[in-house]
Amino acid sequence: MNPMLSDSPRDRIIATALKLFYSQGYLATGINQVIAEAGVAKATFYHHFRSKEELCVEYLQA
């Protein structure tokens, strides 16, 4: 899935995290990389997720 094809910023963040966590691992993936590749602002990330850990929970449920 191309994260840029999703309409919702939240969906783009999750799709990008799926790709990055799978390809380089959870510990090696930073929030700054996720937001840069998802094309969203850091404030947008924190609007939808309180932390990288909360994003990981979404990742595991996807």
C-alpha atoms as a PDB file:
ATOM      1  CA  MET A   1       0.000   0.000   0.000  1.00  0.00           C
ATOM      2  CA  ASN A   2       1.329   3.420  -0.907  1.00  0.00           C
ATOM      3  CA  PRO A   3       0.765   5.656   2.138  1.00  0.00           C
ATOM      4  CA  MET A   4       0.308   8.698  -0.072  1.00  0.00           C
ATOM      5  CA  LEU A   5      -2.805   7.173  -1.684  1.00  0.00           C
ATOM      6  CA  SER A   6      -4.746   7.216   1.593  1.00  0.00           C
ATOM      7  CA  ASP A   7      -6.905  10.241   2.278  1.00  0.00           C
ATOM      8  CA  SER A   8      -6.606  10.425   6.035  1.00  0.00           C
ATOM      9  CA  PRO A   9      -3.359  11.595   7.658  1.00  0.00           C
ATOM     10  CA  ARG A  10      -3.933   8.957  10.358  1.00  0.00           C
ATOM     11  CA  ASP A  11      -4.173   6.238   7.706  1.00  0.00           C
ATOM     12  CA  ARG A  12      -0.988   7.515   6.040  1.00  0.00           C
ATOM     13  CA  ILE A  13       0.851   7.423   9.368  1.00  0.00           C
ATOM     14  CA  ILE A  14      -0.267   3.850  10.065  1.00  0.00           C
ATOM     15  CA  ALA A  15       0.546   2.672   6.533  1.00  0.00           C
ATOM     16  CA  THR A  16       3.986   4.262   6.716  1.00  0.00           C
ATOM     17  CA  ALA A  17       4.631   2.701  10.130  1.00  0.00           C
ATOM     18  CA  LEU A  18       3.599  -0.701   8.767  1.00  0.00           C
ATOM     19  CA  LYS A  19       6.156  -0.385   5.998  1.00  0.00           C
ATOM     20  CA  LEU A  20       8.972   0.961   8.181  1.00  0.00           C
ATOM     21  CA  PHE A  21       8.450  -1.305  11.203  1.00  0.00           C
ATOM     22  CA  TYR A  22       8.424  -4.316   8.882  1.00  0.00           C
ATOM     23  CA  SER A  23      11.451  -3.285   6.823  1.00  0.00           C
ATOM     24  CA  GLN A  24      13.772  -1.873   9.486  1.00  0.00           C
ATOM     25  CA  GLY A  25      12.240  -2.842  12.819  1.00  0.00           C
ATOM     26  CA  TYR A  26      10.462  -0.972  15.579  1.00  0.00           C
ATOM     27  CA  LEU A  27      13.561   0.224  17.432  1.00  0.00           C
ATOM     28  CA  ALA A  28      15.285   1.485  14.281  1.00  0.00           C
ATOM     29  CA  THR A  29      12.248   3.510  13.185  1.00  0.00           C
ATOM     30  CA  GLY A  30      11.802   6.977  14.629  1.00  0.00           C
ATOM     31  CA  ILE A  31       8.744   9.183  14.716  1.00  0.00           C
ATOM     32  CA  ASN A  32      10.539  11.795  12.618  1.00  0.00           C
ATOM     33  CA  GLN A  33      11.088   9.253   9.847  1.00  0.00           C
ATOM     34  CA  VAL A  34       7.455   8.125   9.990  1.00  0.00           C
ATOM     35  CA  ILE A  35       6.084  11.664   9.742  1.00  0.00           C
ATOM     36  CA  ALA A  36       8.517  12.622   6.979  1.00  0.00           C
ATOM     37  CA  GLU A  37       7.608   9.629   4.828  1.00  0.00           C
ATOM     38  CA  ALA A  38       3.886   9.968   5.606  1.00  0.00           C
ATOM     39  CA  GLY A  39       3.978  13.646   4.657  1.00  0.00           C
ATOM     40  CA  VAL A  40       2.398  14.913   7.875  1.00  0.00           C
ATOM     41  CA  ALA A  41       3.392  17.408  10.547  1.00  0.00           C
ATOM     42  CA  LYS A  42       4.608  16.284  13.960  1.00  0.00           C
ATOM     43  CA  ALA A  43       1.545  17.963  15.500  1.00  0.00           C
ATOM     44  CA  THR A  44      -0.655  15.807  13.276  1.00  0.00           C
ATOM     45  CA  PHE A  45       1.099  12.685  14.524  1.00  0.00           C
ATOM     46  CA  TYR A  46       0.519  13.688  18.142  1.00  0.00           C
ATOM     47  CA  HIS A  47      -3.090  14.590  17.404  1.00  0.00           C
ATOM     48  CA  HIS A  48      -3.722  10.954  16.475  1.00  0.00           C
ATOM     49  CA  PHE A  49      -1.201   9.106  18.686  1.00  0.00           C
ATOM     50  CA  ARG A  50       0.198   9.901  22.125  1.00  0.00           C
ATOM     51  CA  SER A  51       3.435   8.046  21.444  1.00  0.00           C
ATOM     52  CA  LYS A  52       5.337   5.683  19.197  1.00  0.00           C
ATOM     53  CA  GLU A  53       4.118   2.898  21.486  1.00  0.00           C
ATOM     54  CA  GLU A  54       0.487   3.789  20.774  1.00  0.00           C
ATOM     55  CA  LEU A  55       1.263   3.783  17.056  1.00  0.00           C
ATOM     56  CA  CYS A  56       2.792   0.320  17.517  1.00  0.00           C
ATOM     57  CA  VAL A  57      -0.466  -0.940  19.044  1.00  0.00           C
ATOM     58  CA  GLU A  58      -2.268   0.213  15.883  1.00  0.00           C
ATOM     59  CA  TYR A  59       0.446  -1.465  13.813  1.00  0.00           C
ATOM     60  CA  LEU A  60      -0.088  -4.761  15.618  1.00  0.00           C
ATOM     61  CA  GLN A  61      -3.856  -4.553  15.135  1.00  0.00           C
ATOM     62  CA  ALA A  62      -3.598  -3.812  11.400  1.00  0.00           C
END
